[in-house]
N, C-alpha and C. Protein backbone atom coordinates (compact mmCIF):
# COMPACT_ATOMS: atom_id res chain seq x y z
N MET A 1 -9.78 93.73 -47.32
CA MET A 1 -10.81 94.45 -46.58
C MET A 1 -11.36 95.56 -47.46
N ILE A 2 -12.67 95.70 -47.44
CA ILE A 2 -13.33 96.78 -48.15
C ILE A 2 -14.02 97.66 -47.11
N LEU A 3 -13.72 98.93 -47.16
CA LEU A 3 -14.39 99.90 -46.30
C LEU A 3 -15.40 100.64 -47.16
N LYS A 4 -16.65 100.53 -46.82
CA LYS A 4 -17.72 101.16 -47.59
C LYS A 4 -17.83 102.65 -47.21
N SER A 5 -18.40 103.42 -48.12
CA SER A 5 -18.46 104.87 -47.95
C SER A 5 -19.16 105.29 -46.66
N GLN A 6 -20.22 104.61 -46.28
CA GLN A 6 -20.93 104.98 -45.04
C GLN A 6 -19.99 104.92 -43.84
N ASP A 7 -19.16 103.88 -43.78
CA ASP A 7 -18.24 103.73 -42.66
C ASP A 7 -17.10 104.75 -42.72
N THR A 8 -16.54 104.95 -43.90
CA THR A 8 -15.43 105.90 -44.00
C THR A 8 -15.90 107.33 -43.76
N GLU A 9 -17.10 107.65 -44.21
CA GLU A 9 -17.63 109.00 -44.01
C GLU A 9 -17.92 109.25 -42.53
N LEU A 10 -18.49 108.27 -41.84
CA LEU A 10 -18.71 108.42 -40.40
C LEU A 10 -17.38 108.57 -39.68
N SER A 11 -16.40 107.78 -40.06
CA SER A 11 -15.08 107.89 -39.45
C SER A 11 -14.49 109.28 -39.68
N ALA A 12 -14.66 109.81 -40.90
CA ALA A 12 -14.15 111.15 -41.20
C ALA A 12 -14.84 112.20 -40.32
N VAL A 13 -16.15 112.07 -40.14
CA VAL A 13 -16.88 113.02 -39.31
C VAL A 13 -16.41 112.94 -37.86
N LEU A 14 -16.25 111.75 -37.34
CA LEU A 14 -15.83 111.61 -35.94
C LEU A 14 -14.39 112.08 -35.73
N ASN A 15 -13.51 111.80 -36.69
CA ASN A 15 -12.14 112.32 -36.60
C ASN A 15 -12.15 113.84 -36.66
N ALA A 16 -12.99 114.39 -37.53
CA ALA A 16 -13.11 115.85 -37.62
C ALA A 16 -13.65 116.42 -36.31
N ALA A 17 -14.64 115.77 -35.72
CA ALA A 17 -15.21 116.24 -34.46
C ALA A 17 -14.14 116.33 -33.38
N ASN A 18 -13.27 115.33 -33.32
CA ASN A 18 -12.17 115.37 -32.34
C ASN A 18 -11.23 116.53 -32.62
N ALA A 19 -10.89 116.74 -33.88
CA ALA A 19 -10.01 117.86 -34.24
C ALA A 19 -10.68 119.20 -33.96
N ILE A 20 -11.97 119.28 -34.19
CA ILE A 20 -12.73 120.51 -33.92
C ILE A 20 -12.70 120.82 -32.42
N CYS A 21 -12.89 119.82 -31.59
CA CYS A 21 -12.83 120.04 -30.14
C CYS A 21 -11.44 120.50 -29.71
N ALA A 22 -10.42 119.93 -30.33
CA ALA A 22 -9.05 120.36 -30.01
C ALA A 22 -8.83 121.81 -30.45
N ALA A 23 -9.35 122.17 -31.61
CA ALA A 23 -9.20 123.55 -32.10
C ALA A 23 -9.89 124.54 -31.16
N ALA A 24 -11.06 124.17 -30.66
CA ALA A 24 -11.76 125.05 -29.71
C ALA A 24 -10.94 125.20 -28.42
N ARG A 25 -10.37 124.11 -27.96
CA ARG A 25 -9.58 124.15 -26.73
C ARG A 25 -8.34 125.02 -26.89
N THR A 26 -7.68 124.94 -28.03
CA THR A 26 -6.43 125.67 -28.20
C THR A 26 -6.62 127.09 -28.75
N ALA A 27 -7.85 127.47 -29.04
CA ALA A 27 -8.11 128.84 -29.52
C ALA A 27 -7.70 129.84 -28.43
N PRO A 28 -7.24 131.02 -28.83
CA PRO A 28 -6.85 132.03 -27.83
C PRO A 28 -8.02 132.40 -26.92
N LYS A 29 -7.72 132.66 -25.66
CA LYS A 29 -8.73 133.03 -24.67
C LYS A 29 -8.33 134.35 -24.01
N ALA A 30 -9.32 135.18 -23.71
CA ALA A 30 -9.08 136.45 -23.03
C ALA A 30 -8.45 136.21 -21.67
N CYS A 31 -7.45 136.97 -21.37
CA CYS A 31 -6.72 136.87 -20.10
C CYS A 31 -6.13 135.48 -19.87
N ALA A 32 -6.03 134.69 -20.94
CA ALA A 32 -5.48 133.33 -20.88
C ALA A 32 -6.22 132.45 -19.88
N ILE A 33 -7.53 132.71 -19.72
CA ILE A 33 -8.37 131.93 -18.81
C ILE A 33 -9.35 131.13 -19.66
N ASP A 34 -9.36 129.82 -19.46
CA ASP A 34 -10.18 128.93 -20.27
C ASP A 34 -11.46 128.55 -19.52
N HIS A 35 -12.59 129.03 -20.01
CA HIS A 35 -13.90 128.70 -19.45
C HIS A 35 -14.74 127.95 -20.48
N LEU A 36 -14.11 127.20 -21.37
CA LEU A 36 -14.82 126.49 -22.43
C LEU A 36 -14.81 124.99 -22.19
N ASP A 37 -15.81 124.32 -22.74
CA ASP A 37 -15.84 122.87 -22.75
C ASP A 37 -16.49 122.43 -24.05
N THR A 38 -16.25 121.19 -24.45
CA THR A 38 -16.81 120.66 -25.69
C THR A 38 -17.37 119.27 -25.46
N ALA A 39 -18.21 118.84 -26.37
CA ALA A 39 -18.73 117.47 -26.37
C ALA A 39 -19.10 117.12 -27.81
N VAL A 40 -19.12 115.83 -28.09
CA VAL A 40 -19.54 115.33 -29.39
C VAL A 40 -20.74 114.41 -29.16
N LEU A 41 -21.81 114.66 -29.89
CA LEU A 41 -23.01 113.84 -29.78
C LEU A 41 -23.24 113.04 -31.05
N THR A 42 -23.65 111.79 -30.88
CA THR A 42 -24.06 110.95 -32.00
C THR A 42 -25.27 110.14 -31.55
N ASP A 43 -25.88 109.48 -32.49
CA ASP A 43 -26.91 108.47 -32.24
C ASP A 43 -28.00 108.95 -31.27
N ALA A 44 -28.25 108.19 -30.19
CA ALA A 44 -29.35 108.48 -29.28
C ALA A 44 -29.20 109.85 -28.60
N ASP A 45 -27.97 110.26 -28.31
CA ASP A 45 -27.77 111.57 -27.68
C ASP A 45 -28.11 112.69 -28.65
N LYS A 46 -27.78 112.50 -29.91
CA LYS A 46 -28.15 113.49 -30.93
C LYS A 46 -29.67 113.51 -31.11
N ASP A 47 -30.29 112.35 -31.06
CA ASP A 47 -31.76 112.27 -31.18
C ASP A 47 -32.44 112.99 -30.01
N LYS A 48 -31.89 112.83 -28.81
CA LYS A 48 -32.43 113.52 -27.63
C LYS A 48 -32.35 115.04 -27.82
N LEU A 49 -31.23 115.48 -28.39
CA LEU A 49 -31.03 116.91 -28.66
C LEU A 49 -32.05 117.43 -29.67
N THR A 50 -32.24 116.72 -30.77
CA THR A 50 -33.16 117.21 -31.80
C THR A 50 -34.61 117.15 -31.31
N ALA A 51 -34.92 116.19 -30.44
CA ALA A 51 -36.26 116.15 -29.84
C ALA A 51 -36.49 117.40 -29.00
N GLU A 52 -35.47 117.82 -28.25
CA GLU A 52 -35.58 119.04 -27.44
C GLU A 52 -35.70 120.28 -28.33
N MET A 53 -34.98 120.29 -29.45
CA MET A 53 -35.10 121.43 -30.38
C MET A 53 -36.53 121.56 -30.88
N ARG A 54 -37.16 120.43 -31.21
CA ARG A 54 -38.55 120.45 -31.68
C ARG A 54 -39.50 120.90 -30.56
N LYS A 55 -39.24 120.43 -29.35
CA LYS A 55 -40.06 120.82 -28.20
C LYS A 55 -40.00 122.34 -28.00
N ILE A 56 -38.79 122.90 -28.06
CA ILE A 56 -38.63 124.35 -27.91
C ILE A 56 -39.36 125.07 -29.04
N GLY A 57 -39.19 124.59 -30.26
CA GLY A 57 -39.85 125.22 -31.41
C GLY A 57 -41.36 125.22 -31.27
N ARG A 58 -41.92 124.10 -30.85
CA ARG A 58 -43.39 124.03 -30.67
C ARG A 58 -43.85 124.96 -29.55
N ALA A 59 -43.07 125.04 -28.47
CA ALA A 59 -43.44 125.90 -27.34
C ALA A 59 -43.44 127.37 -27.73
N ILE A 60 -42.52 127.76 -28.60
CA ILE A 60 -42.44 129.16 -29.04
C ILE A 60 -43.59 129.48 -29.99
N GLY A 61 -43.98 128.50 -30.79
CA GLY A 61 -45.07 128.72 -31.74
C GLY A 61 -44.53 129.14 -33.10
N GLU A 62 -45.26 129.99 -33.77
CA GLU A 62 -44.93 130.41 -35.14
C GLU A 62 -43.49 130.92 -35.27
N ARG A 63 -43.04 131.70 -34.32
CA ARG A 63 -41.68 132.25 -34.38
C ARG A 63 -40.62 131.20 -34.10
N GLY A 64 -41.01 130.04 -33.60
CA GLY A 64 -40.05 128.99 -33.28
C GLY A 64 -39.87 127.95 -34.37
N LYS A 65 -40.46 128.20 -35.53
CA LYS A 65 -40.35 127.23 -36.63
C LYS A 65 -38.92 126.92 -37.01
N PHE A 66 -38.02 127.88 -36.86
CA PHE A 66 -36.63 127.64 -37.26
C PHE A 66 -35.96 126.61 -36.35
N PHE A 67 -36.44 126.42 -35.12
CA PHE A 67 -35.91 125.35 -34.27
C PHE A 67 -36.23 123.99 -34.89
N ILE A 68 -37.44 123.86 -35.40
CA ILE A 68 -37.87 122.60 -36.02
C ILE A 68 -37.11 122.37 -37.32
N ARG A 69 -36.96 123.41 -38.13
CA ARG A 69 -36.17 123.29 -39.37
C ARG A 69 -34.75 122.86 -39.06
N ASP A 70 -34.13 123.50 -38.04
CA ASP A 70 -32.75 123.16 -37.67
C ASP A 70 -32.66 121.74 -37.11
N ALA A 71 -33.70 121.29 -36.40
CA ALA A 71 -33.72 119.91 -35.90
C ALA A 71 -33.74 118.94 -37.07
N ASP A 72 -34.53 119.26 -38.10
CA ASP A 72 -34.57 118.41 -39.30
C ASP A 72 -33.19 118.35 -39.95
N ASN A 73 -32.51 119.50 -40.04
CA ASN A 73 -31.15 119.53 -40.60
C ASN A 73 -30.18 118.71 -39.74
N THR A 74 -30.29 118.85 -38.44
CA THR A 74 -29.39 118.18 -37.51
C THR A 74 -29.63 116.67 -37.51
N ASP A 75 -30.86 116.24 -37.78
CA ASP A 75 -31.13 114.80 -37.91
C ASP A 75 -30.27 114.19 -39.02
N LYS A 76 -29.96 114.97 -40.04
CA LYS A 76 -29.19 114.47 -41.19
C LYS A 76 -27.68 114.46 -40.93
N ALA A 77 -27.27 115.06 -39.83
CA ALA A 77 -25.84 115.11 -39.47
C ALA A 77 -25.42 113.79 -38.83
N GLN A 78 -24.18 113.40 -39.06
CA GLN A 78 -23.67 112.19 -38.40
C GLN A 78 -23.22 112.46 -36.97
N ALA A 79 -22.90 113.71 -36.67
CA ALA A 79 -22.47 114.08 -35.31
C ALA A 79 -22.73 115.56 -35.09
N VAL A 80 -22.74 115.94 -33.83
CA VAL A 80 -22.88 117.34 -33.45
C VAL A 80 -21.79 117.65 -32.42
N VAL A 81 -21.08 118.74 -32.65
CA VAL A 81 -20.12 119.23 -31.66
C VAL A 81 -20.79 120.36 -30.89
N LEU A 82 -20.69 120.29 -29.58
CA LEU A 82 -21.14 121.37 -28.72
C LEU A 82 -19.92 122.08 -28.17
N ILE A 83 -19.98 123.40 -28.19
CA ILE A 83 -18.93 124.21 -27.56
C ILE A 83 -19.65 125.14 -26.59
N GLY A 84 -19.29 125.04 -25.33
CA GLY A 84 -19.96 125.83 -24.31
C GLY A 84 -18.99 126.64 -23.48
N ALA A 85 -19.52 127.68 -22.87
CA ALA A 85 -18.71 128.57 -22.04
C ALA A 85 -19.44 128.86 -20.73
N LYS A 86 -18.69 128.99 -19.66
CA LYS A 86 -19.23 129.39 -18.36
C LYS A 86 -19.39 130.90 -18.34
N TYR A 87 -20.25 131.38 -17.51
CA TYR A 87 -20.47 132.82 -17.37
C TYR A 87 -19.43 133.49 -16.48
N GLU A 88 -18.39 132.80 -16.09
CA GLU A 88 -17.36 133.33 -15.21
C GLU A 88 -16.76 134.64 -15.74
N THR A 89 -16.50 135.56 -14.83
CA THR A 89 -15.86 136.82 -15.21
C THR A 89 -14.34 136.64 -15.21
N ARG A 90 -13.66 137.65 -15.69
CA ARG A 90 -12.19 137.62 -15.69
C ARG A 90 -11.63 138.42 -14.51
N ARG A 91 -12.52 138.86 -13.65
CA ARG A 91 -12.17 139.58 -12.42
C ARG A 91 -11.34 140.83 -12.70
N LEU A 92 -11.76 141.56 -13.71
CA LEU A 92 -11.07 142.81 -14.03
C LEU A 92 -11.63 144.00 -13.26
N GLY A 93 -12.76 143.77 -12.58
CA GLY A 93 -13.33 144.82 -11.74
C GLY A 93 -13.83 146.01 -12.54
N ALA A 94 -13.66 147.18 -11.96
CA ALA A 94 -14.19 148.42 -12.55
C ALA A 94 -13.40 148.88 -13.77
N MET A 95 -12.24 148.29 -14.04
CA MET A 95 -11.46 148.75 -15.20
C MET A 95 -12.06 148.30 -16.52
N CYS A 96 -13.05 147.41 -16.49
CA CYS A 96 -13.61 146.88 -17.74
C CYS A 96 -14.98 147.48 -18.03
N GLY A 97 -16.04 146.89 -17.53
CA GLY A 97 -17.39 147.38 -17.74
C GLY A 97 -17.98 147.11 -19.12
N LEU A 98 -17.30 146.31 -19.96
CA LEU A 98 -17.82 146.04 -21.30
C LEU A 98 -19.15 145.29 -21.28
N CYS A 99 -19.45 144.62 -20.18
CA CYS A 99 -20.70 143.87 -20.04
C CYS A 99 -21.89 144.78 -19.77
N GLY A 100 -21.62 146.04 -19.48
CA GLY A 100 -22.69 146.97 -19.16
C GLY A 100 -22.89 147.19 -17.68
N PHE A 101 -22.15 146.47 -16.88
CA PHE A 101 -22.22 146.63 -15.44
C PHE A 101 -21.00 147.40 -14.94
N LYS A 102 -21.12 147.93 -13.73
CA LYS A 102 -20.05 148.75 -13.17
C LYS A 102 -18.78 147.94 -12.91
N ASN A 103 -18.97 146.68 -12.51
CA ASN A 103 -17.82 145.82 -12.22
C ASN A 103 -18.21 144.35 -12.37
N CYS A 104 -17.26 143.48 -12.19
CA CYS A 104 -17.51 142.04 -12.37
C CYS A 104 -18.49 141.49 -11.33
N SER A 105 -18.45 142.02 -10.13
CA SER A 105 -19.37 141.55 -9.09
C SER A 105 -20.82 141.83 -9.48
N GLU A 106 -21.09 143.02 -10.01
CA GLU A 106 -22.45 143.35 -10.45
C GLU A 106 -22.89 142.43 -11.60
N CYS A 107 -21.99 142.15 -12.50
CA CYS A 107 -22.28 141.25 -13.62
C CYS A 107 -22.67 139.87 -13.09
N THR A 108 -21.89 139.35 -12.16
CA THR A 108 -22.15 138.03 -11.59
C THR A 108 -23.47 138.02 -10.82
N GLU A 109 -23.70 139.05 -10.00
CA GLU A 109 -24.93 139.12 -9.22
C GLU A 109 -26.16 139.17 -10.10
N ALA A 110 -26.06 139.79 -11.26
CA ALA A 110 -27.18 139.89 -12.19
C ALA A 110 -27.39 138.61 -12.99
N GLY A 111 -26.46 137.67 -12.85
CA GLY A 111 -26.55 136.43 -13.62
C GLY A 111 -26.22 136.63 -15.09
N ALA A 112 -25.51 137.71 -15.37
CA ALA A 112 -25.14 138.05 -16.75
C ALA A 112 -23.84 137.37 -17.14
N ALA A 113 -23.56 137.41 -18.43
CA ALA A 113 -22.33 136.80 -18.95
C ALA A 113 -21.26 137.87 -19.13
N CYS A 114 -20.06 137.53 -18.76
CA CYS A 114 -18.90 138.38 -19.02
C CYS A 114 -18.74 138.49 -20.54
N VAL A 115 -18.49 139.68 -21.03
CA VAL A 115 -18.33 139.88 -22.47
C VAL A 115 -17.19 139.04 -23.03
N PHE A 116 -16.19 138.78 -22.22
CA PHE A 116 -15.07 137.96 -22.68
C PHE A 116 -15.49 136.51 -22.92
N THR A 117 -16.52 136.07 -22.20
CA THR A 117 -17.05 134.72 -22.43
C THR A 117 -17.55 134.59 -23.86
N ALA A 118 -18.34 135.56 -24.29
CA ALA A 118 -18.87 135.53 -25.66
C ALA A 118 -17.74 135.67 -26.68
N MET A 119 -16.77 136.51 -26.39
CA MET A 119 -15.64 136.66 -27.32
C MET A 119 -14.86 135.36 -27.43
N ASP A 120 -14.58 134.72 -26.30
CA ASP A 120 -13.83 133.46 -26.32
C ASP A 120 -14.60 132.39 -27.08
N LEU A 121 -15.91 132.33 -26.86
CA LEU A 121 -16.73 131.36 -27.57
C LEU A 121 -16.71 131.62 -29.07
N GLY A 122 -16.81 132.87 -29.45
CA GLY A 122 -16.77 133.22 -30.87
C GLY A 122 -15.44 132.86 -31.53
N ILE A 123 -14.36 133.13 -30.85
CA ILE A 123 -13.04 132.79 -31.40
C ILE A 123 -12.91 131.27 -31.52
N ALA A 124 -13.36 130.54 -30.50
CA ALA A 124 -13.30 129.08 -30.53
C ALA A 124 -14.15 128.52 -31.67
N LEU A 125 -15.33 129.11 -31.89
CA LEU A 125 -16.20 128.66 -32.98
C LEU A 125 -15.54 128.88 -34.34
N GLY A 126 -14.91 130.03 -34.51
CA GLY A 126 -14.22 130.30 -35.77
C GLY A 126 -13.10 129.31 -36.01
N SER A 127 -12.35 129.02 -34.97
CA SER A 127 -11.28 128.05 -35.07
C SER A 127 -11.84 126.66 -35.39
N ALA A 128 -12.93 126.31 -34.74
CA ALA A 128 -13.55 125.00 -34.92
C ALA A 128 -14.05 124.79 -36.35
N VAL A 129 -14.81 125.75 -36.86
CA VAL A 129 -15.38 125.55 -38.19
C VAL A 129 -14.32 125.68 -39.28
N SER A 130 -13.21 126.35 -38.98
CA SER A 130 -12.14 126.39 -39.98
C SER A 130 -11.52 125.00 -40.14
N ILE A 131 -11.46 124.24 -39.06
CA ILE A 131 -10.98 122.86 -39.14
C ILE A 131 -11.96 122.03 -39.98
N ALA A 132 -13.25 122.18 -39.71
CA ALA A 132 -14.26 121.45 -40.48
C ALA A 132 -14.14 121.78 -41.96
N ALA A 133 -13.96 123.04 -42.28
CA ALA A 133 -13.82 123.45 -43.69
C ALA A 133 -12.56 122.86 -44.30
N ASP A 134 -11.46 122.91 -43.56
CA ASP A 134 -10.20 122.34 -44.07
C ASP A 134 -10.34 120.84 -44.36
N LEU A 135 -11.17 120.16 -43.59
CA LEU A 135 -11.35 118.72 -43.75
C LEU A 135 -12.52 118.38 -44.68
N ARG A 136 -13.14 119.42 -45.23
CA ARG A 136 -14.28 119.26 -46.16
C ARG A 136 -15.46 118.56 -45.52
N ILE A 137 -15.71 118.88 -44.26
CA ILE A 137 -16.85 118.37 -43.52
C ILE A 137 -17.91 119.47 -43.51
N ASP A 138 -19.10 119.16 -44.03
CA ASP A 138 -20.18 120.15 -44.02
C ASP A 138 -20.58 120.46 -42.59
N ASN A 139 -20.82 121.73 -42.33
CA ASN A 139 -21.13 122.15 -40.97
C ASN A 139 -21.90 123.45 -40.99
N ARG A 140 -22.48 123.78 -39.87
CA ARG A 140 -23.14 125.07 -39.70
C ARG A 140 -23.19 125.39 -38.21
N ILE A 141 -22.85 126.60 -37.86
CA ILE A 141 -22.96 127.05 -36.47
C ILE A 141 -24.43 127.31 -36.19
N MET A 142 -24.97 126.69 -35.12
CA MET A 142 -26.40 126.82 -34.82
C MET A 142 -26.65 127.18 -33.36
N PHE A 143 -27.26 128.33 -33.18
CA PHE A 143 -27.74 128.77 -31.86
C PHE A 143 -28.79 127.79 -31.33
N THR A 144 -29.67 127.35 -32.21
CA THR A 144 -30.79 126.49 -31.80
C THR A 144 -30.30 125.19 -31.17
N VAL A 145 -29.24 124.63 -31.71
CA VAL A 145 -28.65 123.41 -31.15
C VAL A 145 -28.15 123.69 -29.73
N GLY A 146 -27.46 124.80 -29.56
CA GLY A 146 -26.93 125.16 -28.25
C GLY A 146 -28.01 125.44 -27.24
N LYS A 147 -29.06 126.10 -27.66
CA LYS A 147 -30.18 126.41 -26.76
C LYS A 147 -30.80 125.13 -26.24
N ALA A 148 -31.02 124.16 -27.13
CA ALA A 148 -31.59 122.89 -26.71
C ALA A 148 -30.62 122.12 -25.81
N ALA A 149 -29.33 122.13 -26.15
CA ALA A 149 -28.32 121.45 -25.34
C ALA A 149 -28.28 122.01 -23.92
N ALA A 150 -28.37 123.33 -23.81
CA ALA A 150 -28.38 123.97 -22.48
C ALA A 150 -29.65 123.60 -21.72
N ALA A 151 -30.78 123.55 -22.43
CA ALA A 151 -32.06 123.26 -21.78
C ALA A 151 -32.08 121.88 -21.14
N ILE A 152 -31.38 120.93 -21.73
CA ILE A 152 -31.37 119.57 -21.16
C ILE A 152 -30.05 119.25 -20.44
N GLY A 153 -29.21 120.27 -20.25
CA GLY A 153 -28.02 120.15 -19.42
C GLY A 153 -26.91 119.28 -19.99
N LEU A 154 -26.77 119.28 -21.31
CA LEU A 154 -25.76 118.40 -21.91
C LEU A 154 -24.32 118.79 -21.59
N LEU A 155 -24.09 120.05 -21.22
CA LEU A 155 -22.75 120.46 -20.81
C LEU A 155 -22.73 120.95 -19.35
N GLY A 156 -23.67 120.47 -18.57
CA GLY A 156 -23.70 120.80 -17.14
C GLY A 156 -23.80 122.29 -16.89
N GLU A 157 -22.81 122.84 -16.18
CA GLU A 157 -22.84 124.23 -15.76
C GLU A 157 -22.53 125.23 -16.89
N TYR A 158 -22.18 124.73 -18.04
CA TYR A 158 -21.88 125.61 -19.17
C TYR A 158 -23.20 126.06 -19.79
N LYS A 159 -23.49 127.37 -19.68
CA LYS A 159 -24.80 127.90 -20.09
C LYS A 159 -24.82 128.46 -21.50
N MET A 160 -23.73 129.02 -21.94
CA MET A 160 -23.65 129.64 -23.27
C MET A 160 -23.10 128.58 -24.21
N ILE A 161 -23.99 127.95 -24.97
CA ILE A 161 -23.60 126.82 -25.81
C ILE A 161 -24.02 127.09 -27.26
N ILE A 162 -23.15 126.74 -28.16
CA ILE A 162 -23.44 126.77 -29.59
C ILE A 162 -23.15 125.38 -30.14
N GLY A 163 -23.96 124.92 -31.08
CA GLY A 163 -23.77 123.61 -31.67
C GLY A 163 -23.30 123.69 -33.11
N ILE A 164 -22.55 122.69 -33.52
CA ILE A 164 -22.08 122.59 -34.89
C ILE A 164 -22.39 121.18 -35.40
N PRO A 165 -23.50 121.01 -36.12
CA PRO A 165 -23.76 119.71 -36.74
C PRO A 165 -22.74 119.46 -37.86
N LEU A 166 -22.35 118.20 -38.01
CA LEU A 166 -21.34 117.81 -39.00
C LEU A 166 -21.91 116.73 -39.92
N SER A 167 -21.62 116.88 -41.20
CA SER A 167 -22.17 115.93 -42.16
C SER A 167 -21.21 115.71 -43.32
N VAL A 168 -21.21 114.48 -43.82
CA VAL A 168 -20.59 114.17 -45.10
C VAL A 168 -21.70 113.53 -45.93
N SER A 169 -22.09 114.20 -46.99
CA SER A 169 -23.12 113.68 -47.88
C SER A 169 -22.96 114.34 -49.24
N GLY A 170 -23.71 113.87 -50.19
CA GLY A 170 -23.61 114.42 -51.54
C GLY A 170 -24.09 115.87 -51.63
N LYS A 171 -24.94 116.28 -50.70
CA LYS A 171 -25.47 117.65 -50.67
C LYS A 171 -25.59 118.07 -49.22
N THR A 172 -24.98 119.17 -48.86
CA THR A 172 -25.03 119.61 -47.47
C THR A 172 -26.47 119.88 -47.02
N PRO A 173 -26.85 119.38 -45.85
CA PRO A 173 -28.20 119.63 -45.35
C PRO A 173 -28.35 121.00 -44.67
N PHE A 174 -27.26 121.75 -44.56
CA PHE A 174 -27.29 122.97 -43.76
C PHE A 174 -27.45 124.26 -44.56
N PHE A 175 -27.49 124.16 -45.88
CA PHE A 175 -27.65 125.35 -46.72
C PHE A 175 -28.80 125.11 -47.68
N ASP A 176 -29.15 126.13 -48.43
CA ASP A 176 -30.31 126.05 -49.32
C ASP A 176 -31.55 125.64 -48.53
N ARG A 177 -31.67 126.20 -47.33
CA ARG A 177 -32.78 125.87 -46.44
C ARG A 177 -33.87 126.91 -46.57
N GLU A 178 -35.07 126.53 -46.20
CA GLU A 178 -36.19 127.46 -46.19
C GLU A 178 -35.90 128.57 -45.20
N ARG A 179 -36.05 129.80 -45.63
CA ARG A 179 -35.83 130.95 -44.74
C ARG A 179 -37.08 131.12 -43.88
N ILE A 180 -36.89 131.07 -42.57
CA ILE A 180 -38.03 131.19 -41.65
C ILE A 180 -37.85 132.44 -40.81
């Protein structure tokens, strides 16, 4: 049996995507409460995502060009990992206030995100991309991917989403990019 590079590289990316999702799940969470979820996109689902990125970029206009650039980069990826977080509070009440509100109820009523949500997502992202780096899988954390994923509901109720396109190629598509 001969396994050609295209097949082995795709297999490596998909195996890495699974490990990345596991790393996000096992990353430490504030108050030991897990409000994260992950997904892996390939093929038509990834194409749907990049189409939405372009749509958002065109709707924004001149300032949205980076959505289109990032969609072009993401087209070159074999897979995309999404890591999302719910806006749920940790119910610490008035003892916290890091979100800028007096208590968790005010934060929820305003439709704002608990600061611990962003911290948990950041820690999970760091854990996730460290796995990608250890496995020598090219990657980049992209807000634009997450924004498009949220716009089309790819993680359901999870509103705070960041995407990580993954690639194995002779030259990473995620760096040496035009600065917009």
